Amino acid sequence: DVRTLGRLTADITTGEDWMKALDGLGIISERAVLLDQMTAEQNLAVPLTLELFDLPAGAKAQVTALAEEVGLAREQLPKFASTLSPLDRMRVRLARALALNPRVVMAEHPNASLPSADHATYAADISRVASQRRLGLLVLTADRTFASAVADRGLVLNPATGELAPGDSGGRRWVR
């Protein structure tokens, strides 16, 4: 039997069922496109409402809370996504991944587009949010330093065999 977030996949039979099942998973990825000609606030609202040009009060409050939670300064919200720093763009992606209150967050090479000077800050952002929300966190990265800053246990993929084995970096397990 295959389960996703505790539910048998064989019981997921409609598109609506799949969408509900996926709500439990937040994804941080460069493939999660930001709408560059929209503001950070509008980009954060995408998972919450279709009314992006005149945000309902409830969505606006959620967006503000998400921004604060991930370390995105309030003054960044009215700026176009295209003008945000690489770190703030990734914080927008982190906040969007959290918008639907997932149980698990998957981060696909989360620091690949960041200057190395921002790696530790973003790792701390992800780790703090995952701990505060008590989230499962799956970080897919080749950067052992980043992984060890985000998490405390892990697996290493052997690309030749597909085998996953406990991984470490200097005796410390490094992916949550």
C-alpha atoms as a PDB file:
ATOM      1  CA  ASP A   1       0.000   0.000   0.000  1.00  0.00           C
ATOM      2  CA  VAL A   2       1.163   3.489  -0.840  1.00  0.00           C
ATOM      3  CA  ARG A   3       0.086   6.358   1.377  1.00  0.00           C
ATOM      4  CA  THR A   4       0.477  10.080   1.072  1.00  0.00           C
ATOM      5  CA  LEU A   5       0.114  12.015   4.324  1.00  0.00           C
ATOM      6  CA  GLY A   6      -1.654   9.030   5.874  1.00  0.00           C
ATOM      7  CA  ARG A   7      -4.145   8.453   3.062  1.00  0.00           C
ATOM      8  CA  LEU A   8      -4.094   5.456   0.725  1.00  0.00           C
ATOM      9  CA  THR A   9      -3.377   6.688  -2.786  1.00  0.00           C
ATOM     10  CA  ALA A  10      -5.770   4.046  -4.138  1.00  0.00           C
ATOM     11  CA  ASP A  11      -8.568   5.949  -2.356  1.00  0.00           C
ATOM     12  CA  ILE A  12      -7.704   9.169  -4.181  1.00  0.00           C
ATOM     13  CA  THR A  13      -9.796   8.802  -7.307  1.00  0.00           C
ATOM     14  CA  THR A  14     -10.705  12.287  -8.530  1.00  0.00           C
ATOM     15  CA  GLY A  15      -8.797  15.421  -9.393  1.00  0.00           C
ATOM     16  CA  GLU A  16     -10.416  17.171  -6.442  1.00  0.00           C
ATOM     17  CA  ASP A  17      -9.238  14.359  -4.122  1.00  0.00           C
ATOM     18  CA  TRP A  18      -5.668  14.786  -5.430  1.00  0.00           C
ATOM     19  CA  MET A  19      -5.773  18.551  -4.886  1.00  0.00           C
ATOM     20  CA  LYS A  20      -6.983  18.043  -1.296  1.00  0.00           C
ATOM     21  CA  ALA A  21      -4.246  15.464  -0.703  1.00  0.00           C
ATOM     22  CA  LEU A  22      -1.611  17.867  -2.030  1.00  0.00           C
ATOM     23  CA  ASP A  23      -2.783  20.659   0.303  1.00  0.00           C
ATOM     24  CA  GLY A  24      -0.858  18.867   3.053  1.00  0.00           C
ATOM     25  CA  LEU A  25       2.406  19.399   1.142  1.00  0.00           C
ATOM     26  CA  GLY A  26       4.113  22.766   0.749  1.00  0.00           C
ATOM     27  CA  ILE A  27       6.742  23.067  -1.961  1.00  0.00           C
ATOM     28  CA  ILE A  28       9.669  25.494  -2.075  1.00  0.00           C
ATOM     29  CA  SER A  29      11.156  25.480  -5.548  1.00  0.00           C
ATOM     30  CA  GLU A  30      12.468  27.781  -8.241  1.00  0.00           C
ATOM     31  CA  ARG A  31       9.834  26.065 -10.368  1.00  0.00           C
ATOM     32  CA  ALA A  32       7.167  27.712  -8.192  1.00  0.00           C
ATOM     33  CA  VAL A  33       7.031  30.726 -10.471  1.00  0.00           C
ATOM     34  CA  LEU A  34       6.822  34.220  -9.031  1.00  0.00           C
ATOM     35  CA  LEU A  35       4.756  36.687 -11.022  1.00  0.00           C
ATOM     36  CA  ASP A  36       7.419  39.359 -11.526  1.00  0.00           C
ATOM     37  CA  GLN A  37       5.016  42.121 -12.573  1.00  0.00           C
ATOM     38  CA  MET A  38       2.956  41.625  -9.426  1.00  0.00           C
ATOM     39  CA  THR A  39       3.898  42.700  -5.939  1.00  0.00           C
ATOM     40  CA  ALA A  40       5.280  40.469  -3.236  1.00  0.00           C
ATOM     41  CA  GLU A  41       1.897  40.837  -1.513  1.00  0.00           C
ATOM     42  CA  GLN A  42       0.029  39.650  -4.613  1.00  0.00           C
ATOM     43  CA  ASN A  43       2.431  36.730  -5.058  1.00  0.00           C
ATOM     44  CA  LEU A  44       1.878  35.700  -1.433  1.00  0.00           C
ATOM     45  CA  ALA A  45      -1.889  35.855  -1.957  1.00  0.00           C
ATOM     46  CA  VAL A  46      -1.900  33.473  -4.952  1.00  0.00           C
ATOM     47  CA  PRO A  47      -2.663  30.337  -2.864  1.00  0.00           C
ATOM     48  CA  LEU A  48      -5.327  32.200  -0.855  1.00  0.00           C
ATOM     49  CA  THR A  49      -7.535  34.100  -3.307  1.00  0.00           C
ATOM     50  CA  LEU A  50      -8.185  34.857  -6.964  1.00  0.00           C
ATOM     51  CA  GLU A  51      -8.760  38.534  -6.104  1.00  0.00           C
ATOM     52  CA  LEU A  52      -5.144  39.667  -6.397  1.00  0.00           C
ATOM     53  CA  PHE A  53      -5.735  43.325  -7.300  1.00  0.00           C
ATOM     54  CA  ASP A  54      -7.969  44.207  -4.367  1.00  0.00           C
ATOM     55  CA  LEU A  55      -7.120  41.709  -1.652  1.00  0.00           C
ATOM     56  CA  PRO A  56      -9.954  40.803   0.719  1.00  0.00           C
ATOM     57  CA  ALA A  57      -9.186  41.848   4.304  1.00  0.00           C
ATOM     58  CA  GLY A  58      -8.804  38.239   5.464  1.00  0.00           C
ATOM     59  CA  ALA A  59      -6.311  37.403   2.707  1.00  0.00           C
ATOM     60  CA  LYS A  60      -4.395  40.633   3.371  1.00  0.00           C
ATOM     61  CA  ALA A  61      -4.079  39.712   7.053  1.00  0.00           C
ATOM     62  CA  GLN A  62      -2.889  36.193   6.160  1.00  0.00           C
ATOM     63  CA  VAL A  63      -0.327  37.583   3.710  1.00  0.00           C
ATOM     64  CA  THR A  64       1.035  39.991   6.316  1.00  0.00           C
ATOM     65  CA  ALA A  65       1.282  37.223   8.915  1.00  0.00           C
ATOM     66  CA  LEU A  66       3.029  34.869   6.460  1.00  0.00           C
ATOM     67  CA  ALA A  67       5.518  37.567   5.458  1.00  0.00           C
ATOM     68  CA  GLU A  68       6.353  38.274   9.086  1.00  0.00           C
ATOM     69  CA  GLU A  69       6.687  34.571   9.862  1.00  0.00           C
ATOM     70  CA  VAL A  70       9.286  33.984   7.131  1.00  0.00           C
ATOM     71  CA  GLY A  71      11.264  37.174   7.777  1.00  0.00           C
ATOM     72  CA  LEU A  72       9.996  39.189   4.804  1.00  0.00           C
ATOM     73  CA  ALA A  73       9.886  42.822   5.927  1.00  0.00           C
ATOM     74  CA  ARG A  74       6.501  44.544   5.615  1.00  0.00           C
ATOM     75  CA  GLU A  75       8.015  47.275   3.414  1.00  0.00           C
ATOM     76  CA  GLN A  76       8.835  44.609   0.792  1.00  0.00           C
ATOM     77  CA  LEU A  77       5.157  43.671   0.278  1.00  0.00           C
ATOM     78  CA  PRO A  78       4.234  46.509  -2.120  1.00  0.00           C
ATOM     79  CA  LYS A  79       7.362  45.996  -4.251  1.00  0.00           C
ATOM     80  CA  PHE A  80       7.230  44.139  -7.547  1.00  0.00           C
ATOM     81  CA  ALA A  81       8.617  40.627  -7.254  1.00  0.00           C
ATOM     82  CA  SER A  82      11.141  41.413  -9.986  1.00  0.00           C
ATOM     83  CA  THR A  83      12.756  44.042  -7.728  1.00  0.00           C
ATOM     84  CA  LEU A  84      13.132  41.846  -4.641  1.00  0.00           C
ATOM     85  CA  SER A  85      16.513  40.523  -3.544  1.00  0.00           C
ATOM     86  CA  PRO A  86      17.162  36.819  -4.190  1.00  0.00           C
ATOM     87  CA  LEU A  87      16.714  36.155  -0.443  1.00  0.00           C
ATOM     88  CA  ASP A  88      13.337  37.908  -0.329  1.00  0.00           C
ATOM     89  CA  ARG A  89      12.197  36.074  -3.481  1.00  0.00           C
ATOM     90  CA  MET A  90      12.946  32.779  -1.711  1.00  0.00           C
ATOM     91  CA  ARG A  91      11.127  34.016   1.391  1.00  0.00           C
ATOM     92  CA  VAL A  92       8.071  34.650  -0.802  1.00  0.00           C
ATOM     93  CA  ARG A  93       8.329  31.056  -2.041  1.00  0.00           C
ATOM     94  CA  LEU A  94       8.641  29.794   1.540  1.00  0.00           C
ATOM     95  CA  ALA A  95       5.587  31.804   2.614  1.00  0.00           C
ATOM     96  CA  ARG A  96       3.542  30.496  -0.339  1.00  0.00           C
ATOM     97  CA  ALA A  97       4.534  26.949   0.589  1.00  0.00           C
ATOM     98  CA  LEU A  98       3.137  27.606   4.087  1.00  0.00           C
ATOM     99  CA  ALA A  99      -0.055  29.388   3.001  1.00  0.00           C
ATOM    100  CA  LEU A 100      -2.332  26.330   3.099  1.00  0.00           C
ATOM    101  CA  ASN A 101      -0.922  25.057   6.414  1.00  0.00           C
ATOM    102  CA  PRO A 102       0.823  21.939   5.128  1.00  0.00           C
ATOM    103  CA  ARG A 103       2.036  19.136   7.358  1.00  0.00           C
ATOM    104  CA  VAL A 104       5.175  18.600   5.272  1.00  0.00           C
ATOM    105  CA  VAL A 105       7.339  21.067   3.331  1.00  0.00           C
ATOM    106  CA  MET A 106       9.577  19.888   0.522  1.00  0.00           C
ATOM    107  CA  ALA A 107      12.407  22.238  -0.457  1.00  0.00           C
ATOM    108  CA  GLU A 108      13.986  21.550  -3.842  1.00  0.00           C
ATOM    109  CA  HIS A 109      17.512  23.002  -3.928  1.00  0.00           C
ATOM    110  CA  PRO A 110      16.290  25.937  -1.830  1.00  0.00           C
ATOM    111  CA  ASN A 111      19.560  27.867  -1.802  1.00  0.00           C
ATOM    112  CA  ALA A 112      20.640  27.272  -5.406  1.00  0.00           C
ATOM    113  CA  SER A 113      19.686  30.789  -6.564  1.00  0.00           C
ATOM    114  CA  LEU A 114      20.958  32.572  -3.465  1.00  0.00           C
ATOM    115  CA  PRO A 115      24.294  34.311  -3.019  1.00  0.00           C
ATOM    116  CA  SER A 116      26.377  32.270  -0.589  1.00  0.00           C
ATOM    117  CA  ALA A 117      26.227  35.139   1.926  1.00  0.00           C
ATOM    118  CA  ASP A 118      22.456  34.493   2.285  1.00  0.00           C
ATOM    119  CA  HIS A 119      22.610  30.698   2.738  1.00  0.00           C
ATOM    120  CA  ALA A 120      22.843  30.708   6.538  1.00  0.00           C
ATOM    121  CA  THR A 121      20.052  33.281   6.896  1.00  0.00           C
ATOM    122  CA  TYR A 122      17.677  31.337   4.650  1.00  0.00           C
ATOM    123  CA  ALA A 123      18.558  28.033   6.333  1.00  0.00           C
ATOM    124  CA  ALA A 124      17.696  29.650   9.675  1.00  0.00           C
ATOM    125  CA  ASP A 125      14.385  30.938   8.237  1.00  0.00           C
ATOM    126  CA  ILE A 126      13.364  27.478   7.027  1.00  0.00           C
ATOM    127  CA  SER A 127      14.513  25.716  10.186  1.00  0.00           C
ATOM    128  CA  ARG A 128      12.772  28.222  12.476  1.00  0.00           C
ATOM    129  CA  VAL A 129       9.459  28.013  10.624  1.00  0.00           C
ATOM    130  CA  ALA A 130       9.552  24.202  10.442  1.00  0.00           C
ATOM    131  CA  SER A 131      10.257  23.990  14.176  1.00  0.00           C
ATOM    132  CA  GLN A 132       7.617  26.555  15.156  1.00  0.00           C
ATOM    133  CA  ARG A 133       4.967  24.864  13.029  1.00  0.00           C
ATOM    134  CA  ARG A 134       6.181  21.358  13.881  1.00  0.00           C
ATOM    135  CA  LEU A 135       6.399  20.520  10.180  1.00  0.00           C
ATOM    136  CA  GLY A 136       7.984  17.596   8.476  1.00  0.00           C
ATOM    137  CA  LEU A 137      10.743  18.936   6.250  1.00  0.00           C
ATOM    138  CA  LEU A 138      12.299  17.259   3.225  1.00  0.00           C
ATOM    139  CA  VAL A 139      15.258  19.184   1.822  1.00  0.00           C
ATOM    140  CA  LEU A 140      16.637  18.032  -1.502  1.00  0.00           C
ATOM    141  CA  THR A 141      20.085  19.546  -1.914  1.00  0.00           C
ATOM    142  CA  ALA A 142      23.653  18.753  -2.815  1.00  0.00           C
ATOM    143  CA  ASP A 143      24.860  21.432  -0.383  1.00  0.00           C
ATOM    144  CA  ARG A 144      25.786  19.590   2.809  1.00  0.00           C
ATOM    145  CA  THR A 145      26.553  22.813   4.681  1.00  0.00           C
ATOM    146  CA  PHE A 146      23.089  24.187   3.957  1.00  0.00           C
ATOM    147  CA  ALA A 147      21.459  20.858   4.793  1.00  0.00           C
ATOM    148  CA  SER A 148      23.227  20.627   8.128  1.00  0.00           C
ATOM    149  CA  ALA A 149      22.075  24.146   8.994  1.00  0.00           C
ATOM    150  CA  VAL A 150      18.447  23.286   8.198  1.00  0.00           C
ATOM    151  CA  ALA A 151      18.084  19.850   9.692  1.00  0.00           C
ATOM    152  CA  ASP A 152      19.474  17.269  12.043  1.00  0.00           C
ATOM    153  CA  ARG A 153      19.004  13.896  10.350  1.00  0.00           C
ATOM    154  CA  GLY A 154      19.104  12.627   6.858  1.00  0.00           C
ATOM    155  CA  LEU A 155      19.601  10.400   3.928  1.00  0.00           C
ATOM    156  CA  VAL A 156      22.020  10.439   1.035  1.00  0.00           C
ATOM    157  CA  LEU A 157      20.945   9.291  -2.419  1.00  0.00           C
ATOM    158  CA  ASN A 158      23.314   7.011  -4.311  1.00  0.00           C
ATOM    159  CA  PRO A 159      22.651   8.170  -7.885  1.00  0.00           C
ATOM    160  CA  ALA A 160      24.022   4.954  -9.373  1.00  0.00           C
ATOM    161  CA  THR A 161      21.627   2.671  -7.509  1.00  0.00           C
ATOM    162  CA  GLY A 162      18.827   4.936  -6.251  1.00  0.00           C
ATOM    163  CA  GLU A 163      19.528   3.668  -2.743  1.00  0.00           C
ATOM    164  CA  LEU A 164      18.925   5.976   0.186  1.00  0.00           C
ATOM    165  CA  ALA A 165      21.270   5.534   3.121  1.00  0.00           C
ATOM    166  CA  PRO A 166      21.846   7.425   6.362  1.00  0.00           C
ATOM    167  CA  GLY A 167      24.099  10.372   5.622  1.00  0.00           C
ATOM    168  CA  ASP A 168      26.413  12.415   7.705  1.00  0.00           C
ATOM    169  CA  SER A 169      28.798  15.291   7.528  1.00  0.00           C
ATOM    170  CA  GLY A 170      31.614  15.018  10.009  1.00  0.00           C
ATOM    171  CA  GLY A 171      29.620  12.566  12.131  1.00  0.00           C
ATOM    172  CA  ARG A 172      26.509  14.757  12.157  1.00  0.00           C
ATOM    173  CA  ARG A 173      23.439  13.595  10.296  1.00  0.00           C
ATOM    174  CA  TRP A 174      22.330  16.396   8.090  1.00  0.00           C
ATOM    175  CA  VAL A 175      18.895  16.264   6.441  1.00  0.00           C
ATOM    176  CA  ARG A 176      15.592  16.365   8.305  1.00  0.00           C
END
